[in-house]
Amino acid sequence: MGRPYHVHPGYDDSHQHAPRMALYVLMLVVAVAFGGFVWQLYSGPSAPLISAPSGAYRVEPAPELATAPDEAEINAFGGNIETPAPVATADSAPAEIAPPPVETSGAPRLAPAPVFAASGPFVAQLVALRAENGAQAAWARISSRAPGLFAPAHMDVERADLGAQGVFYRVRAGYFTDRANAVRFCERVRQMGQDCIVVQR
């Protein structure tokens, strides 16, 4: 027979595994509880988000400037809106006062009426003609344009031989005792558009 051997009973470590298993179970429970807490934290209803307006941010408006009332406002108040009068300063020049306009008549101003005489050294020459028989017609034509002026005048015809230029018949109005009256007569005649010169006979 062989050498007898001794059978030792097996090593039982169940008493050491029990605390370790309890620790694992506790850690698992803690992990599950923490995971559930995290899941509830992130899976719950989210807080409502406030959407920003699509337009530009609100800007505080600048203070409104005083503007003049428009025509509609003036009409609403019957045009009785008072406006501040301009303040006169020391540097402002005094306004010039324009003189009142002088009323003028559309008709040309006539010279004083001349004084005629039955005879005198001065006459007013009106026209010079080639034919003597045209003198009367010329006088009638000119005097008819101002009958009141020619009423006291006398027709005077003078024959003038100018040599190579020929003979002319000068139609004249007279008579005046001085040149001043003859000049006034010619001024009135020229205002009619008729030629007139003062001559001494």
N, C-alpha and C. Protein backbone atom coordinates (compact mmCIF):
# COMPACT_ATOMS: atom_id res chain seq x y z
N MET A 1 0.84 -1.18 0.00
CA MET A 1 0.00 0.00 0.00
C MET A 1 0.86 1.22 0.00
N GLY A 2 0.33 2.13 -0.66
CA GLY A 2 1.06 3.41 -0.71
C GLY A 2 0.98 4.14 0.63
N ARG A 3 1.70 5.25 0.47
CA ARG A 3 1.76 6.09 1.67
C ARG A 3 0.43 6.73 1.88
N PRO A 4 -0.08 6.61 3.04
CA PRO A 4 -1.40 7.19 3.25
C PRO A 4 -1.30 8.70 3.26
N TYR A 5 -2.34 9.25 2.68
CA TYR A 5 -2.35 10.72 2.66
C TYR A 5 -3.56 11.16 3.45
N HIS A 6 -3.45 12.42 3.79
CA HIS A 6 -4.48 12.92 4.66
C HIS A 6 -5.30 13.91 3.89
N VAL A 7 -6.56 13.71 3.87
CA VAL A 7 -7.46 14.62 3.13
C VAL A 7 -7.89 15.73 4.08
N HIS A 8 -7.52 17.01 3.63
CA HIS A 8 -7.94 18.16 4.44
C HIS A 8 -9.27 18.68 3.94
N PRO A 9 -10.03 19.08 4.82
CA PRO A 9 -11.33 19.64 4.37
C PRO A 9 -11.10 20.92 3.53
N GLY A 10 -11.95 21.14 2.46
CA GLY A 10 -11.80 22.34 1.57
C GLY A 10 -12.00 23.66 2.32
N TYR A 11 -11.33 24.76 1.74
CA TYR A 11 -11.39 26.09 2.39
C TYR A 11 -12.67 26.79 1.97
N ASP A 12 -13.46 27.07 2.95
CA ASP A 12 -14.77 27.72 2.68
C ASP A 12 -14.63 29.22 2.94
N ASP A 13 -14.67 30.05 1.78
CA ASP A 13 -14.55 31.53 1.88
C ASP A 13 -15.88 32.24 1.71
N SER A 14 -16.97 31.52 1.92
CA SER A 14 -18.29 32.15 1.75
C SER A 14 -18.49 33.26 2.76
N HIS A 15 -17.80 33.12 3.90
CA HIS A 15 -17.99 34.15 4.90
C HIS A 15 -17.27 35.43 4.49
N GLN A 16 -16.29 35.35 3.56
CA GLN A 16 -15.63 36.56 3.07
C GLN A 16 -16.36 37.18 1.90
N HIS A 17 -17.09 36.46 1.07
CA HIS A 17 -17.81 36.99 -0.12
C HIS A 17 -19.07 37.74 0.28
N ALA A 18 -19.66 37.44 1.39
CA ALA A 18 -20.92 38.07 1.76
C ALA A 18 -20.79 39.57 1.94
N PRO A 19 -19.78 40.07 2.68
CA PRO A 19 -19.68 41.55 2.77
C PRO A 19 -19.38 42.22 1.44
N ARG A 20 -18.60 41.57 0.62
CA ARG A 20 -18.25 42.17 -0.69
C ARG A 20 -19.48 42.27 -1.56
N MET A 21 -20.31 41.28 -1.56
CA MET A 21 -21.53 41.32 -2.37
C MET A 21 -22.45 42.44 -1.87
N ALA A 22 -22.50 42.59 -0.56
CA ALA A 22 -23.35 43.66 -0.03
C ALA A 22 -22.86 45.03 -0.48
N LEU A 23 -21.50 45.17 -0.54
CA LEU A 23 -20.93 46.45 -1.00
C LEU A 23 -21.26 46.70 -2.47
N TYR A 24 -21.20 45.66 -3.28
CA TYR A 24 -21.52 45.79 -4.72
C TYR A 24 -22.98 46.18 -4.90
N VAL A 25 -23.85 45.54 -4.10
CA VAL A 25 -25.27 45.85 -4.23
C VAL A 25 -25.53 47.30 -3.83
N LEU A 26 -24.85 47.75 -2.76
CA LEU A 26 -25.04 49.13 -2.32
C LEU A 26 -24.56 50.12 -3.38
N MET A 27 -23.40 49.83 -3.98
CA MET A 27 -22.88 50.71 -5.03
C MET A 27 -23.82 50.73 -6.23
N LEU A 28 -24.39 49.57 -6.56
CA LEU A 28 -25.31 49.51 -7.69
C LEU A 28 -26.56 50.35 -7.40
N VAL A 29 -27.05 50.24 -6.16
CA VAL A 29 -28.25 51.00 -5.81
C VAL A 29 -27.97 52.50 -5.87
N VAL A 30 -26.79 52.90 -5.36
CA VAL A 30 -26.43 54.32 -5.41
C VAL A 30 -26.30 54.80 -6.85
N ALA A 31 -25.66 53.95 -7.70
CA ALA A 31 -25.50 54.34 -9.11
C ALA A 31 -26.84 54.47 -9.80
N VAL A 32 -27.75 53.51 -9.51
CA VAL A 32 -29.08 53.58 -10.15
C VAL A 32 -29.83 54.81 -9.65
N ALA A 33 -29.73 55.09 -8.37
CA ALA A 33 -30.43 56.27 -7.84
C ALA A 33 -29.87 57.56 -8.44
N PHE A 34 -28.56 57.67 -8.55
CA PHE A 34 -27.95 58.87 -9.13
C PHE A 34 -28.31 59.01 -10.61
N GLY A 35 -28.30 57.85 -11.31
CA GLY A 35 -28.69 57.91 -12.73
C GLY A 35 -30.13 58.34 -12.89
N GLY A 36 -31.03 57.83 -12.00
CA GLY A 36 -32.41 58.26 -12.09
C GLY A 36 -32.58 59.75 -11.81
N PHE A 37 -31.78 60.26 -10.86
CA PHE A 37 -31.86 61.69 -10.55
C PHE A 37 -31.40 62.53 -11.74
N VAL A 38 -30.30 62.11 -12.35
CA VAL A 38 -29.80 62.85 -13.52
C VAL A 38 -30.78 62.77 -14.66
N TRP A 39 -31.38 61.63 -14.87
CA TRP A 39 -32.34 61.47 -15.98
C TRP A 39 -33.55 62.37 -15.77
N GLN A 40 -34.07 62.39 -14.52
CA GLN A 40 -35.21 63.26 -14.25
C GLN A 40 -34.84 64.74 -14.41
N LEU A 41 -33.59 65.08 -14.07
CA LEU A 41 -33.17 66.48 -14.17
C LEU A 41 -33.15 66.97 -15.61
N TYR A 42 -32.67 66.18 -16.52
CA TYR A 42 -32.52 66.60 -17.92
C TYR A 42 -33.70 66.23 -18.79
N SER A 43 -34.52 65.25 -18.35
CA SER A 43 -35.66 64.86 -19.19
C SER A 43 -36.93 65.59 -18.80
N GLY A 44 -36.91 66.42 -17.75
CA GLY A 44 -38.10 67.16 -17.33
C GLY A 44 -38.44 68.28 -18.30
N PRO A 45 -39.60 68.96 -18.14
CA PRO A 45 -39.99 70.09 -19.05
C PRO A 45 -38.99 71.23 -18.93
N SER A 46 -38.51 71.66 -20.07
CA SER A 46 -37.52 72.75 -20.11
C SER A 46 -38.19 74.09 -19.86
N ALA A 47 -37.41 75.02 -19.33
CA ALA A 47 -37.94 76.37 -19.06
C ALA A 47 -38.25 77.07 -20.37
N PRO A 48 -39.34 77.82 -20.45
CA PRO A 48 -39.69 78.51 -21.72
C PRO A 48 -38.63 79.54 -22.08
N LEU A 49 -38.31 79.55 -23.34
CA LEU A 49 -37.33 80.51 -23.85
C LEU A 49 -38.06 81.77 -24.31
N ILE A 50 -37.51 82.92 -24.01
CA ILE A 50 -38.07 84.21 -24.43
C ILE A 50 -37.42 84.59 -25.75
N SER A 51 -38.23 84.64 -26.80
CA SER A 51 -37.68 84.95 -28.13
C SER A 51 -37.50 86.45 -28.27
N ALA A 52 -36.40 86.82 -28.84
CA ALA A 52 -36.10 88.25 -29.07
C ALA A 52 -36.93 88.76 -30.23
N PRO A 53 -37.37 89.99 -30.21
CA PRO A 53 -38.13 90.54 -31.35
C PRO A 53 -37.28 90.56 -32.61
N SER A 54 -37.97 90.37 -33.75
CA SER A 54 -37.26 90.31 -35.02
C SER A 54 -36.69 91.65 -35.45
N GLY A 55 -37.31 92.76 -35.03
CA GLY A 55 -36.84 94.08 -35.44
C GLY A 55 -35.63 94.53 -34.66
N ALA A 56 -35.25 95.78 -34.91
CA ALA A 56 -34.11 96.35 -34.21
C ALA A 56 -34.46 96.62 -32.76
N TYR A 57 -33.43 96.65 -31.94
CA TYR A 57 -33.65 96.96 -30.53
C TYR A 57 -34.28 98.34 -30.39
N ARG A 58 -35.09 98.48 -29.39
CA ARG A 58 -35.75 99.77 -29.18
C ARG A 58 -34.72 100.79 -28.73
N VAL A 59 -34.78 101.95 -29.38
CA VAL A 59 -33.87 103.04 -29.05
C VAL A 59 -34.70 104.18 -28.52
N GLU A 60 -34.25 104.79 -27.48
CA GLU A 60 -34.99 105.90 -26.89
C GLU A 60 -35.10 107.03 -27.89
N PRO A 61 -36.30 107.44 -28.26
CA PRO A 61 -36.44 108.50 -29.29
C PRO A 61 -35.87 109.80 -28.81
N ALA A 62 -35.31 110.55 -29.78
CA ALA A 62 -34.77 111.87 -29.47
C ALA A 62 -35.90 112.82 -29.15
N PRO A 63 -35.67 113.78 -28.30
CA PRO A 63 -36.75 114.75 -27.98
C PRO A 63 -37.19 115.49 -29.23
N GLU A 64 -38.50 115.59 -29.38
CA GLU A 64 -39.05 116.24 -30.57
C GLU A 64 -38.77 117.73 -30.53
N LEU A 65 -38.36 118.24 -31.69
CA LEU A 65 -38.12 119.67 -31.82
C LEU A 65 -39.42 120.39 -32.11
N ALA A 66 -39.52 121.57 -31.64
CA ALA A 66 -40.73 122.37 -31.90
C ALA A 66 -40.77 122.75 -33.36
N THR A 67 -41.85 122.40 -34.02
CA THR A 67 -42.00 122.71 -35.44
C THR A 67 -43.14 123.68 -35.62
N ALA A 68 -43.09 124.37 -36.74
CA ALA A 68 -44.14 125.34 -37.04
C ALA A 68 -45.43 124.61 -37.37
N PRO A 69 -46.57 125.11 -36.99
CA PRO A 69 -47.83 124.45 -37.30
C PRO A 69 -48.07 124.42 -38.79
N ASP A 70 -48.61 123.25 -39.23
CA ASP A 70 -48.88 123.15 -40.65
C ASP A 70 -50.15 123.90 -40.99
N GLU A 71 -50.46 123.88 -42.28
CA GLU A 71 -51.61 124.65 -42.77
C GLU A 71 -52.91 124.14 -42.19
N ALA A 72 -53.01 122.80 -41.97
CA ALA A 72 -54.25 122.25 -41.42
C ALA A 72 -54.48 122.75 -40.01
N GLU A 73 -53.41 122.83 -39.20
CA GLU A 73 -53.57 123.33 -37.85
C GLU A 73 -53.96 124.80 -37.85
N ILE A 74 -53.36 125.57 -38.75
CA ILE A 74 -53.70 127.00 -38.83
C ILE A 74 -55.16 127.18 -39.19
N ASN A 75 -55.65 126.36 -40.15
CA ASN A 75 -57.05 126.47 -40.54
C ASN A 75 -57.97 126.05 -39.40
N ALA A 76 -57.53 125.06 -38.59
CA ALA A 76 -58.37 124.60 -37.49
C ALA A 76 -58.57 125.68 -36.45
N PHE A 77 -57.58 126.53 -36.27
CA PHE A 77 -57.68 127.62 -35.31
C PHE A 77 -58.11 128.92 -35.94
N GLY A 78 -58.54 128.85 -37.18
CA GLY A 78 -59.00 130.07 -37.83
C GLY A 78 -57.88 131.03 -38.16
N GLY A 79 -56.66 130.51 -38.29
CA GLY A 79 -55.54 131.36 -38.64
C GLY A 79 -55.08 132.26 -37.52
N ASN A 80 -55.50 131.97 -36.24
CA ASN A 80 -55.15 132.84 -35.12
C ASN A 80 -54.02 132.27 -34.29
N ILE A 81 -53.06 131.62 -34.91
CA ILE A 81 -51.92 131.08 -34.19
C ILE A 81 -50.87 132.17 -34.09
N GLU A 82 -50.47 132.47 -32.87
CA GLU A 82 -49.51 133.54 -32.66
C GLU A 82 -48.11 133.01 -32.88
N THR A 83 -47.30 133.76 -33.56
CA THR A 83 -45.90 133.43 -33.77
C THR A 83 -45.07 134.47 -33.06
N PRO A 84 -43.95 134.05 -32.45
CA PRO A 84 -43.13 135.03 -31.72
C PRO A 84 -42.55 136.06 -32.65
N ALA A 85 -42.58 137.30 -32.21
CA ALA A 85 -42.02 138.39 -33.01
C ALA A 85 -40.51 138.34 -32.94
N PRO A 86 -39.81 138.70 -34.03
CA PRO A 86 -38.35 138.71 -34.01
C PRO A 86 -37.83 139.71 -33.01
N VAL A 87 -36.78 139.29 -32.30
CA VAL A 87 -36.17 140.15 -31.28
C VAL A 87 -35.19 141.09 -31.96
N ALA A 88 -35.37 142.37 -31.74
CA ALA A 88 -34.47 143.36 -32.34
C ALA A 88 -33.16 143.36 -31.57
N THR A 89 -32.06 143.38 -32.29
CA THR A 89 -30.74 143.43 -31.69
C THR A 89 -30.10 144.77 -31.97
N ALA A 90 -29.03 145.04 -31.21
CA ALA A 90 -28.35 146.33 -31.38
C ALA A 90 -27.65 146.42 -32.71
N ASP A 91 -27.25 145.22 -33.26
CA ASP A 91 -26.52 145.24 -34.53
C ASP A 91 -27.44 145.36 -35.73
N SER A 92 -28.73 145.11 -35.52
CA SER A 92 -29.63 145.15 -36.67
C SER A 92 -29.82 146.58 -37.13
N ALA A 93 -29.69 146.76 -38.45
CA ALA A 93 -29.81 148.11 -39.02
C ALA A 93 -31.27 148.51 -39.07
N PRO A 94 -31.57 149.78 -38.88
CA PRO A 94 -32.97 150.22 -38.96
C PRO A 94 -33.50 150.06 -40.37
N ALA A 95 -34.74 149.63 -40.45
CA ALA A 95 -35.35 149.42 -41.76
C ALA A 95 -35.55 150.76 -42.46
N GLU A 96 -35.22 150.75 -43.74
CA GLU A 96 -35.40 151.97 -44.51
C GLU A 96 -36.86 152.13 -44.89
N ILE A 97 -37.36 153.31 -44.69
CA ILE A 97 -38.76 153.60 -45.02
C ILE A 97 -38.80 154.14 -46.43
N ALA A 98 -39.46 153.37 -47.30
CA ALA A 98 -39.54 153.80 -48.70
C ALA A 98 -40.50 154.97 -48.82
N PRO A 99 -40.14 155.93 -49.63
CA PRO A 99 -41.06 157.07 -49.82
C PRO A 99 -42.31 156.63 -50.53
N PRO A 100 -43.41 157.26 -50.27
CA PRO A 100 -44.65 156.88 -50.94
C PRO A 100 -44.53 157.07 -52.44
N PRO A 101 -45.10 156.14 -53.21
CA PRO A 101 -45.01 156.27 -54.66
C PRO A 101 -45.72 157.51 -55.17
N VAL A 102 -45.11 158.09 -56.13
CA VAL A 102 -45.69 159.29 -56.74
C VAL A 102 -46.62 158.85 -57.85
N GLU A 103 -47.85 159.26 -57.75
CA GLU A 103 -48.83 158.90 -58.76
C GLU A 103 -48.54 159.67 -60.04
N THR A 104 -48.43 158.90 -61.10
CA THR A 104 -48.18 159.50 -62.42
C THR A 104 -49.31 159.12 -63.35
N SER A 105 -49.65 159.99 -64.16
CA SER A 105 -50.70 159.75 -65.14
C SER A 105 -50.11 159.06 -66.35
N GLY A 106 -50.93 158.23 -66.99
CA GLY A 106 -50.44 157.54 -68.19
C GLY A 106 -50.20 158.50 -69.34
N ALA A 107 -50.91 159.59 -69.38
CA ALA A 107 -50.74 160.54 -70.48
C ALA A 107 -49.50 161.39 -70.23
N PRO A 108 -48.79 161.78 -71.27
CA PRO A 108 -47.60 162.63 -71.09
C PRO A 108 -47.98 163.99 -70.53
N ARG A 109 -47.11 164.52 -69.69
CA ARG A 109 -47.35 165.84 -69.10
C ARG A 109 -47.15 166.92 -70.16
N LEU A 110 -48.12 167.81 -70.27
CA LEU A 110 -48.06 168.86 -71.27
C LEU A 110 -47.43 170.11 -70.69
N ALA A 111 -46.71 170.81 -71.55
CA ALA A 111 -46.11 172.08 -71.13
C ALA A 111 -47.21 173.12 -70.94
N PRO A 112 -46.92 174.15 -70.17
CA PRO A 112 -47.93 175.21 -70.00
C PRO A 112 -48.38 175.78 -71.34
N ALA A 113 -49.63 176.16 -71.39
CA ALA A 113 -50.18 176.69 -72.65
C ALA A 113 -49.46 177.99 -73.03
N PRO A 114 -49.04 178.08 -74.29
CA PRO A 114 -48.34 179.30 -74.74
C PRO A 114 -49.33 180.46 -74.91
N VAL A 115 -48.76 181.64 -74.92
CA VAL A 115 -49.56 182.86 -75.12
C VAL A 115 -49.24 183.42 -76.50
N PHE A 116 -50.30 183.53 -77.33
CA PHE A 116 -50.12 184.06 -78.69
C PHE A 116 -50.36 185.58 -78.68
N ALA A 117 -49.87 186.18 -79.74
CA ALA A 117 -50.07 187.63 -79.95
C ALA A 117 -50.47 187.87 -81.39
N ALA A 118 -51.09 189.01 -81.64
CA ALA A 118 -51.50 189.34 -83.02
C ALA A 118 -50.30 189.49 -83.92
N SER A 119 -49.16 189.86 -83.36
CA SER A 119 -47.93 190.00 -84.14
C SER A 119 -46.77 189.85 -83.17
N GLY A 120 -45.66 189.34 -83.69
CA GLY A 120 -44.50 189.15 -82.83
C GLY A 120 -43.32 188.67 -83.64
N PRO A 121 -42.11 188.74 -83.08
CA PRO A 121 -40.92 188.37 -83.83
C PRO A 121 -40.65 186.87 -83.90
N PHE A 122 -41.36 186.06 -83.11
CA PHE A 122 -41.07 184.61 -83.08
C PHE A 122 -42.25 183.81 -83.62
N VAL A 123 -41.90 182.77 -84.37
CA VAL A 123 -42.89 181.83 -84.91
C VAL A 123 -42.37 180.40 -84.68
N ALA A 124 -43.29 179.45 -84.84
CA ALA A 124 -42.93 178.04 -84.71
C ALA A 124 -43.11 177.38 -86.06
N GLN A 125 -41.99 176.89 -86.64
CA GLN A 125 -42.05 176.26 -87.96
C GLN A 125 -42.44 174.80 -87.79
N LEU A 126 -43.45 174.38 -88.60
CA LEU A 126 -44.00 173.03 -88.49
C LEU A 126 -43.53 172.12 -89.62
N VAL A 127 -43.49 172.61 -90.84
CA VAL A 127 -43.15 171.78 -91.99
C VAL A 127 -42.71 172.68 -93.13
N ALA A 128 -41.93 172.13 -94.06
CA ALA A 128 -41.49 172.84 -95.28
C ALA A 128 -41.92 172.02 -96.48
N LEU A 129 -42.60 172.64 -97.42
CA LEU A 129 -43.17 171.95 -98.57
C LEU A 129 -42.58 172.50 -99.87
N ARG A 130 -42.63 171.68 -100.91
CA ARG A 130 -42.18 172.11 -102.23
C ARG A 130 -43.26 172.95 -102.93
N ALA A 131 -44.52 172.58 -102.71
CA ALA A 131 -45.62 173.27 -103.41
C ALA A 131 -46.36 174.19 -102.45
N GLU A 132 -46.66 175.39 -102.93
CA GLU A 132 -47.36 176.36 -102.07
C GLU A 132 -48.79 175.95 -101.80
N ASN A 133 -49.40 175.28 -102.78
CA ASN A 133 -50.80 174.92 -102.60
C ASN A 133 -50.98 173.80 -101.55
N GLY A 134 -49.90 173.18 -101.11
CA GLY A 134 -50.02 172.14 -100.07
C GLY A 134 -49.94 172.69 -98.67
N ALA A 135 -49.66 174.00 -98.54
CA ALA A 135 -49.50 174.59 -97.21
C ALA A 135 -50.80 174.56 -96.42
N GLN A 136 -51.92 174.92 -97.09
CA GLN A 136 -53.19 174.95 -96.38
C GLN A 136 -53.60 173.57 -95.89
N ALA A 137 -53.38 172.56 -96.74
CA ALA A 137 -53.74 171.19 -96.34
C ALA A 137 -52.88 170.71 -95.16
N ALA A 138 -51.58 171.06 -95.19
CA ALA A 138 -50.70 170.66 -94.09
C ALA A 138 -51.12 171.32 -92.78
N TRP A 139 -51.48 172.60 -92.87
CA TRP A 139 -51.94 173.30 -91.66
C TRP A 139 -53.21 172.67 -91.09
N ALA A 140 -54.15 172.36 -91.95
CA ALA A 140 -55.41 171.75 -91.51
C ALA A 140 -55.16 170.38 -90.87
N ARG A 141 -54.24 169.61 -91.48
CA ARG A 141 -53.94 168.27 -90.94
C ARG A 141 -53.31 168.36 -89.55
N ILE A 142 -52.34 169.26 -89.37
CA ILE A 142 -51.63 169.34 -88.09
C ILE A 142 -52.51 169.96 -87.01
N SER A 143 -53.21 171.03 -87.35
CA SER A 143 -54.02 171.73 -86.34
C SER A 143 -55.21 170.90 -85.88
N SER A 144 -55.68 169.99 -86.73
CA SER A 144 -56.84 169.16 -86.34
C SER A 144 -56.48 168.17 -85.22
N ARG A 145 -55.20 167.92 -85.01
CA ARG A 145 -54.78 166.98 -83.96
C ARG A 145 -54.82 167.63 -82.58
N ALA A 146 -54.81 168.97 -82.52
CA ALA A 146 -54.91 169.69 -81.24
C ALA A 146 -55.65 171.00 -81.47
N PRO A 147 -56.95 170.93 -81.68
CA PRO A 147 -57.70 172.16 -82.02
C PRO A 147 -57.59 173.24 -80.95
N GLY A 148 -57.60 172.87 -79.68
CA GLY A 148 -57.51 173.86 -78.62
C GLY A 148 -56.17 174.59 -78.62
N LEU A 149 -55.10 173.87 -78.96
CA LEU A 149 -53.77 174.50 -78.99
C LEU A 149 -53.63 175.46 -80.16
N PHE A 150 -54.18 175.07 -81.31
CA PHE A 150 -54.00 175.89 -82.53
C PHE A 150 -55.09 176.95 -82.69
N ALA A 151 -56.13 176.95 -81.85
CA ALA A 151 -57.24 177.90 -82.03
C ALA A 151 -56.78 179.36 -82.04
N PRO A 152 -55.89 179.81 -81.13
CA PRO A 152 -55.48 181.23 -81.18
C PRO A 152 -54.30 181.49 -82.11
N ALA A 153 -53.80 180.43 -82.80
CA ALA A 153 -52.61 180.61 -83.64
C ALA A 153 -52.99 181.14 -85.02
N HIS A 154 -52.00 181.76 -85.69
CA HIS A 154 -52.17 182.24 -87.06
C HIS A 154 -51.24 181.43 -87.96
N MET A 155 -51.76 181.04 -89.14
CA MET A 155 -50.91 180.35 -90.09
C MET A 155 -50.03 181.37 -90.81
N ASP A 156 -48.74 181.09 -90.88
CA ASP A 156 -47.79 181.97 -91.57
C ASP A 156 -46.99 181.11 -92.53
N VAL A 157 -47.00 181.51 -93.84
CA VAL A 157 -46.26 180.76 -94.87
C VAL A 157 -45.16 181.65 -95.39
N GLU A 158 -43.94 181.13 -95.39
CA GLU A 158 -42.78 181.86 -95.88
C GLU A 158 -42.17 181.11 -97.06
N ARG A 159 -41.89 181.87 -98.16
CA ARG A 159 -41.24 181.28 -99.33
C ARG A 159 -39.73 181.42 -99.13
N ALA A 160 -39.02 180.29 -99.28
CA ALA A 160 -37.56 180.28 -99.09
C ALA A 160 -36.91 179.69 -100.31
N ASP A 161 -36.06 180.49 -100.98
CA ASP A 161 -35.33 180.03 -102.16
C ASP A 161 -33.94 179.59 -101.68
N LEU A 162 -33.69 178.31 -101.80
CA LEU A 162 -32.42 177.75 -101.32
C LEU A 162 -31.46 177.48 -102.47
N GLY A 163 -31.65 178.12 -103.58
CA GLY A 163 -30.73 178.00 -104.70
C GLY A 163 -30.80 176.64 -105.33
N ALA A 164 -29.69 175.92 -105.28
CA ALA A 164 -29.62 174.61 -105.93
C ALA A 164 -30.61 173.63 -105.30
N GLN A 165 -30.96 173.82 -104.07
CA GLN A 165 -31.89 172.89 -103.41
C GLN A 165 -33.34 173.16 -103.81
N GLY A 166 -33.61 174.33 -104.37
CA GLY A 166 -34.96 174.63 -104.81
C GLY A 166 -35.67 175.57 -103.87
N VAL A 167 -36.96 175.77 -104.15
CA VAL A 167 -37.79 176.69 -103.39
C VAL A 167 -38.66 175.87 -102.44
N PHE A 168 -38.74 176.33 -101.19
CA PHE A 168 -39.57 175.66 -100.18
C PHE A 168 -40.55 176.66 -99.59
N TYR A 169 -41.66 176.14 -99.16
CA TYR A 169 -42.68 176.95 -98.50
C TYR A 169 -42.80 176.44 -97.04
N ARG A 170 -42.41 177.32 -96.15
CA ARG A 170 -42.37 176.96 -94.74
C ARG A 170 -43.69 177.34 -94.07
N VAL A 171 -44.34 176.32 -93.49
CA VAL A 171 -45.61 176.53 -92.80
C VAL A 171 -45.29 176.74 -91.32
N ARG A 172 -45.72 177.91 -90.79
CA ARG A 172 -45.36 178.29 -89.42
C ARG A 172 -46.60 178.75 -88.65
N ALA A 173 -46.50 178.66 -87.33
CA ALA A 173 -47.59 179.12 -86.44
C ALA A 173 -47.09 180.30 -85.64
N GLY A 174 -47.90 181.30 -85.49
CA GLY A 174 -47.49 182.52 -84.78
C GLY A 174 -48.69 183.22 -84.17
N TYR A 175 -48.42 184.27 -83.53
CA TYR A 175 -47.11 184.89 -83.33
C TYR A 175 -46.83 184.95 -81.84
N PHE A 176 -45.53 185.11 -81.51
CA PHE A 176 -45.13 185.15 -80.10
C PHE A 176 -44.25 186.37 -79.86
N THR A 177 -44.53 187.01 -78.75
CA THR A 177 -43.73 188.20 -78.44
C THR A 177 -42.37 187.86 -77.84
N ASP A 178 -42.23 186.62 -77.36
CA ASP A 178 -40.93 186.21 -76.81
C ASP A 178 -40.65 184.75 -77.18
N ARG A 179 -39.43 184.37 -77.02
CA ARG A 179 -39.02 183.00 -77.38
C ARG A 179 -39.63 181.97 -76.42
N ALA A 180 -39.82 182.34 -75.17
CA ALA A 180 -40.31 181.37 -74.19
C ALA A 180 -41.67 180.82 -74.57
N ASN A 181 -42.57 181.68 -75.03
CA ASN A 181 -43.88 181.19 -75.43
C ASN A 181 -43.79 180.33 -76.68
N ALA A 182 -42.92 180.70 -77.61
CA ALA A 182 -42.73 179.88 -78.81
C ALA A 182 -42.18 178.50 -78.45
N VAL A 183 -41.26 178.48 -77.48
CA VAL A 183 -40.70 177.18 -77.04
C VAL A 183 -41.79 176.32 -76.40
N ARG A 184 -42.63 176.91 -75.55
CA ARG A 184 -43.70 176.13 -74.93
C ARG A 184 -44.66 175.57 -75.98
N PHE A 185 -44.93 176.36 -77.02
CA PHE A 185 -45.80 175.87 -78.09
C PHE A 185 -45.16 174.67 -78.79
N CYS A 186 -43.87 174.78 -79.12
CA CYS A 186 -43.21 173.66 -79.80
C CYS A 186 -43.14 172.41 -78.92
N GLU A 187 -43.00 172.59 -77.60
CA GLU A 187 -42.99 171.43 -76.71
C GLU A 187 -44.32 170.69 -76.78
N ARG A 188 -45.41 171.42 -76.81
CA ARG A 188 -46.72 170.79 -76.92
C ARG A 188 -46.88 170.10 -78.26
N VAL A 189 -46.38 170.73 -79.32
CA VAL A 189 -46.50 170.12 -80.66
C VAL A 189 -45.65 168.85 -80.75
N ARG A 190 -44.44 168.88 -80.20
CA ARG A 190 -43.58 167.68 -80.26
C ARG A 190 -44.15 166.53 -79.45
N GLN A 191 -44.89 166.85 -78.39
CA GLN A 191 -45.55 165.79 -77.64
C GLN A 191 -46.63 165.09 -78.46
N MET A 192 -47.10 165.75 -79.52
CA MET A 192 -48.05 165.13 -80.44
C MET A 192 -47.35 164.25 -81.46
N GLY A 193 -46.01 164.33 -81.52
CA GLY A 193 -45.27 163.57 -82.52
C GLY A 193 -44.99 164.36 -83.78
N GLN A 194 -45.15 165.68 -83.74
CA GLN A 194 -44.93 166.54 -84.90
C GLN A 194 -43.66 167.37 -84.68
N ASP A 195 -42.85 167.52 -85.75
CA ASP A 195 -41.65 168.34 -85.65
C ASP A 195 -42.03 169.81 -85.47
N CYS A 196 -41.17 170.53 -84.73
CA CYS A 196 -41.43 171.95 -84.49
C CYS A 196 -40.13 172.61 -84.05
N ILE A 197 -39.78 173.73 -84.69
CA ILE A 197 -38.59 174.48 -84.31
C ILE A 197 -38.97 175.96 -84.18
N VAL A 198 -38.29 176.64 -83.24
CA VAL A 198 -38.55 178.07 -83.01
C VAL A 198 -37.61 178.88 -83.91
N VAL A 199 -38.19 179.81 -84.67
CA VAL A 199 -37.39 180.67 -85.55
C VAL A 199 -37.82 182.13 -85.31
N GLN A 200 -36.89 182.99 -85.62
CA GLN A 200 -37.18 184.43 -85.51
C GLN A 200 -37.30 184.97 -86.92
N ARG A 201 -38.36 185.68 -87.19
CA ARG A 201 -38.59 186.14 -88.57
C ARG A 201 -38.05 187.55 -88.77
